Amino acid sequence: MKKYEDVVCGMKVGEDTPYTSEYGGKKYYFCCGHCKEQFDANPLKYVR
């Protein structure tokens, strides 16, 4: 299974996580609902 970095906290998460968002045509993966909420509130803060 491919691993992705949670752009909010840096944790590695699998593509099977239920916490995802799309921004700028790219899918982002999160370790928990809190990190997803932080990203959704201000994605430009976290997009690299």
PDB file of N, CA and C in Angstrom:
ATOM      1  N   MET A   1       0.842  -1.180   0.000  1.00  0.00           N
ATOM      2  CA  MET A   1       0.000   0.000   0.000  1.00  0.00           C
ATOM      3  C   MET A   1       0.890   1.247   0.000  1.00  0.00           C
ATOM      4  N   LYS A   2       0.519   2.192  -0.821  1.00  0.00           N
ATOM      5  CA  LYS A   2       1.271   3.431  -0.922  1.00  0.00           C
ATOM      6  C   LYS A   2       1.013   4.303   0.310  1.00  0.00           C
ATOM      7  N   LYS A   3       2.072   4.991   0.764  1.00  0.00           N
ATOM      8  CA  LYS A   3       1.954   5.886   1.913  1.00  0.00           C
ATOM      9  C   LYS A   3       2.036   7.335   1.447  1.00  0.00           C
ATOM     10  N   TYR A   4       1.287   8.181   2.103  1.00  0.00           N
ATOM     11  CA  TYR A   4       1.274   9.610   1.817  1.00  0.00           C
ATOM     12  C   TYR A   4       1.591  10.371   3.097  1.00  0.00           C
ATOM     13  N   GLU A   5       2.124  11.566   2.937  1.00  0.00           N
ATOM     14  CA  GLU A   5       2.414  12.392   4.108  1.00  0.00           C
ATOM     15  C   GLU A   5       1.240  13.315   4.383  1.00  0.00           C
ATOM     16  N   ASP A   6       0.760  13.290   5.619  1.00  0.00           N
ATOM     17  CA  ASP A   6      -0.243  14.248   6.075  1.00  0.00           C
ATOM     18  C   ASP A   6       0.456  15.606   6.088  1.00  0.00           C
ATOM     19  N   VAL A   7       0.009  16.539   5.228  1.00  0.00           N
ATOM     20  CA  VAL A   7       0.694  17.825   5.096  1.00  0.00           C
ATOM     21  C   VAL A   7       0.517  18.726   6.313  1.00  0.00           C
ATOM     22  N   VAL A   8      -0.387  18.375   7.212  1.00  0.00           N
ATOM     23  CA  VAL A   8      -0.603  19.174   8.419  1.00  0.00           C
ATOM     24  C   VAL A   8       0.376  18.764   9.520  1.00  0.00           C
ATOM     25  N   CYS A   9       0.477  17.457   9.796  1.00  0.00           N
ATOM     26  CA  CYS A   9       1.303  17.015  10.928  1.00  0.00           C
ATOM     27  C   CYS A   9       2.552  16.227  10.513  1.00  0.00           C
ATOM     28  N   GLY A  10       2.629  15.805   9.250  1.00  0.00           N
ATOM     29  CA  GLY A  10       3.797  15.081   8.779  1.00  0.00           C
ATOM     30  C   GLY A  10       3.735  13.574   8.940  1.00  0.00           C
ATOM     31  N   MET A  11       2.665  13.057   9.536  1.00  0.00           N
ATOM     32  CA  MET A  11       2.535  11.613   9.738  1.00  0.00           C
ATOM     33  C   MET A  11       2.330  10.915   8.396  1.00  0.00           C
ATOM     34  N   LYS A  12       2.847   9.714   8.265  1.00  0.00           N
ATOM     35  CA  LYS A  12       2.624   8.899   7.071  1.00  0.00           C
ATOM     36  C   LYS A  12       1.291   8.167   7.213  1.00  0.00           C
ATOM     37  N   VAL A  13       0.463   8.241   6.169  1.00  0.00           N
ATOM     38  CA  VAL A  13      -0.845   7.584   6.193  1.00  0.00           C
ATOM     39  C   VAL A  13      -1.043   6.796   4.907  1.00  0.00           C
ATOM     40  N   GLY A  14      -1.828   5.752   4.995  1.00  0.00           N
ATOM     41  CA  GLY A  14      -2.128   4.936   3.826  1.00  0.00           C
ATOM     42  C   GLY A  14      -3.267   5.528   3.017  1.00  0.00           C
ATOM     43  N   GLU A  15      -3.361   5.074   1.771  1.00  0.00           N
ATOM     44  CA  GLU A  15      -4.410   5.587   0.900  1.00  0.00           C
ATOM     45  C   GLU A  15      -5.803   5.107   1.319  1.00  0.00           C
ATOM     46  N   ASP A  16      -5.871   4.223   2.301  1.00  0.00           N
ATOM     47  CA  ASP A  16      -7.155   3.729   2.787  1.00  0.00           C
ATOM     48  C   ASP A  16      -7.750   4.596   3.904  1.00  0.00           C
ATOM     49  N   THR A  17      -7.069   5.693   4.255  1.00  0.00           N
ATOM     50  CA  THR A  17      -7.591   6.574   5.294  1.00  0.00           C
ATOM     51  C   THR A  17      -8.936   7.174   4.856  1.00  0.00           C
ATOM     52  N   PRO A  18      -9.872   7.316   5.777  1.00  0.00           N
ATOM     53  CA  PRO A  18     -11.156   7.933   5.414  1.00  0.00           C
ATOM     54  C   PRO A  18     -11.073   9.464   5.342  1.00  0.00           C
ATOM     55  N   TYR A  19      -9.938  10.041   5.729  1.00  0.00           N
ATOM     56  CA  TYR A  19      -9.788  11.494   5.799  1.00  0.00           C
ATOM     57  C   TYR A  19      -9.012  12.006   4.588  1.00  0.00           C
ATOM     58  N   THR A  20      -9.730  12.491   3.590  1.00  0.00           N
ATOM     59  CA  THR A  20      -9.102  13.019   2.389  1.00  0.00           C
ATOM     60  C   THR A  20      -9.782  14.315   1.972  1.00  0.00           C
ATOM     61  N   SER A  21      -9.038  15.124   1.249  1.00  0.00           N
ATOM     62  CA  SER A  21      -9.574  16.352   0.652  1.00  0.00           C
ATOM     63  C   SER A  21      -8.927  16.521  -0.708  1.00  0.00           C
ATOM     64  N   GLU A  22      -9.600  17.247  -1.568  1.00  0.00           N
ATOM     65  CA  GLU A  22      -9.022  17.590  -2.861  1.00  0.00           C
ATOM     66  C   GLU A  22      -8.850  19.094  -2.931  1.00  0.00           C
ATOM     67  N   TYR A  23      -7.703  19.490  -3.460  1.00  0.00           N
ATOM     68  CA  TYR A  23      -7.426  20.918  -3.631  1.00  0.00           C
ATOM     69  C   TYR A  23      -6.510  21.081  -4.835  1.00  0.00           C
ATOM     70  N   GLY A  24      -6.862  21.994  -5.720  1.00  0.00           N
ATOM     71  CA  GLY A  24      -6.037  22.243  -6.892  1.00  0.00           C
ATOM     72  C   GLY A  24      -5.835  21.027  -7.776  1.00  0.00           C
ATOM     73  N   GLY A  25      -6.834  20.142  -7.801  1.00  0.00           N
ATOM     74  CA  GLY A  25      -6.745  18.951  -8.630  1.00  0.00           C
ATOM     75  C   GLY A  25      -5.913  17.825  -8.033  1.00  0.00           C
ATOM     76  N   LYS A  26      -5.483  17.990  -6.790  1.00  0.00           N
ATOM     77  CA  LYS A  26      -4.671  16.970  -6.115  1.00  0.00           C
ATOM     78  C   LYS A  26      -5.403  16.462  -4.875  1.00  0.00           C
ATOM     79  N   LYS A  27      -5.248  15.180  -4.597  1.00  0.00           N
ATOM     80  CA  LYS A  27      -5.873  14.573  -3.420  1.00  0.00           C
ATOM     81  C   LYS A  27      -4.877  14.559  -2.270  1.00  0.00           C
ATOM     82  N   TYR A  28      -5.342  14.967  -1.092  1.00  0.00           N
ATOM     83  CA  TYR A  28      -4.519  14.996   0.116  1.00  0.00           C
ATOM     84  C   TYR A  28      -5.092  14.020   1.131  1.00  0.00           C
ATOM     85  N   TYR A  29      -4.189  13.365   1.859  1.00  0.00           N
ATOM     86  CA  TYR A  29      -4.555  12.314   2.811  1.00  0.00           C
ATOM     87  C   TYR A  29      -4.169  12.752   4.218  1.00  0.00           C
ATOM     88  N   PHE A  30      -5.039  12.459   5.196  1.00  0.00           N
ATOM     89  CA  PHE A  30      -4.825  12.908   6.572  1.00  0.00           C
ATOM     90  C   PHE A  30      -4.967  11.761   7.564  1.00  0.00           C
ATOM     91  N   CYS A  31      -4.272  11.912   8.689  1.00  0.00           N
ATOM     92  CA  CYS A  31      -4.282  10.860   9.710  1.00  0.00           C
ATOM     93  C   CYS A  31      -5.558  10.890  10.553  1.00  0.00           C
ATOM     94  N   CYS A  32      -6.193  12.067  10.636  1.00  0.00           N
ATOM     95  CA  CYS A  32      -7.372  12.192  11.494  1.00  0.00           C
ATOM     96  C   CYS A  32      -8.254  13.344  11.015  1.00  0.00           C
ATOM     97  N   GLY A  33      -9.437  13.416  11.572  1.00  0.00           N
ATOM     98  CA  GLY A  33     -10.377  14.469  11.216  1.00  0.00           C
ATOM     99  C   GLY A  33      -9.873  15.857  11.561  1.00  0.00           C
ATOM    100  N   HIS A  34      -9.127  15.964  12.643  1.00  0.00           N
ATOM    101  CA  HIS A  34      -8.608  17.273  13.058  1.00  0.00           C
ATOM    102  C   HIS A  34      -7.659  17.839  12.001  1.00  0.00           C
ATOM    103  N   CYS A  35      -6.740  17.018  11.501  1.00  0.00           N
ATOM    104  CA  CYS A  35      -5.804  17.483  10.465  1.00  0.00           C
ATOM    105  C   CYS A  35      -6.561  17.856   9.187  1.00  0.00           C
ATOM    106  N   LYS A  36      -7.563  17.067   8.824  1.00  0.00           N
ATOM    107  CA  LYS A  36      -8.366  17.377   7.639  1.00  0.00           C
ATOM    108  C   LYS A  36      -9.074  18.716   7.819  1.00  0.00           C
ATOM    109  N   GLU A  37      -9.634  18.965   8.988  1.00  0.00           N
ATOM    110  CA  GLU A  37     -10.318  20.233   9.262  1.00  0.00           C
ATOM    111  C   GLU A  37      -9.355  21.412   9.175  1.00  0.00           C
ATOM    112  N   GLN A  38      -8.138  21.240   9.704  1.00  0.00           N
ATOM    113  CA  GLN A  38      -7.136  22.300   9.637  1.00  0.00           C
ATOM    114  C   GLN A  38      -6.805  22.625   8.181  1.00  0.00           C
ATOM    115  N   PHE A  39      -6.619  21.597   7.374  1.00  0.00           N
ATOM    116  CA  PHE A  39      -6.319  21.791   5.961  1.00  0.00           C
ATOM    117  C   PHE A  39      -7.485  22.458   5.239  1.00  0.00           C
ATOM    118  N   ASP A  40      -8.683  21.951   5.444  1.00  0.00           N
ATOM    119  CA  ASP A  40      -9.857  22.484   4.753  1.00  0.00           C
ATOM    120  C   ASP A  40     -10.104  23.952   5.086  1.00  0.00           C
ATOM    121  N   ALA A  41      -9.744  24.376   6.294  1.00  0.00           N
ATOM    122  CA  ALA A  41      -9.956  25.755   6.707  1.00  0.00           C
ATOM    123  C   ALA A  41      -8.975  26.713   6.012  1.00  0.00           C
ATOM    124  N   ASN A  42      -7.779  26.223   5.653  1.00  0.00           N
ATOM    125  CA  ASN A  42      -6.764  27.095   5.040  1.00  0.00           C
ATOM    126  C   ASN A  42      -5.772  26.263   4.241  1.00  0.00           C
ATOM    127  N   PRO A  43      -6.196  25.718   3.098  1.00  0.00           N
ATOM    128  CA  PRO A  43      -5.316  24.831   2.345  1.00  0.00           C
ATOM    129  C   PRO A  43      -4.011  25.496   1.873  1.00  0.00           C
ATOM    130  N   LEU A  44      -4.042  26.785   1.569  1.00  0.00           N
ATOM    131  CA  LEU A  44      -2.836  27.446   1.092  1.00  0.00           C
ATOM    132  C   LEU A  44      -1.709  27.439   2.117  1.00  0.00           C
ATOM    133  N   LYS A  45      -2.063  27.309   3.377  1.00  0.00           N
ATOM    134  CA  LYS A  45      -1.056  27.243   4.445  1.00  0.00           C
ATOM    135  C   LYS A  45      -0.235  25.954   4.353  1.00  0.00           C
ATOM    136  N   TYR A  46      -0.836  24.890   3.795  1.00  0.00           N
ATOM    137  CA  TYR A  46      -0.217  23.561   3.813  1.00  0.00           C
ATOM    138  C   TYR A  46       0.242  23.051   2.454  1.00  0.00           C
ATOM    139  N   VAL A  47      -0.251  23.631   1.371  1.00  0.00           N
ATOM    140  CA  VAL A  47       0.129  23.163   0.044  1.00  0.00           C
ATOM    141  C   VAL A  47       1.566  23.546  -0.234  1.00  0.00           C
ATOM    142  N   ARG A  48       2.330  22.574  -0.698  1.00  0.00           N
ATOM    143  CA  ARG A  48       3.753  22.804  -0.985  1.00  0.00           C
ATOM    144  C   ARG A  48       3.960  22.971  -2.468  1.00  0.00           C
TER     145      ARG A  48
END
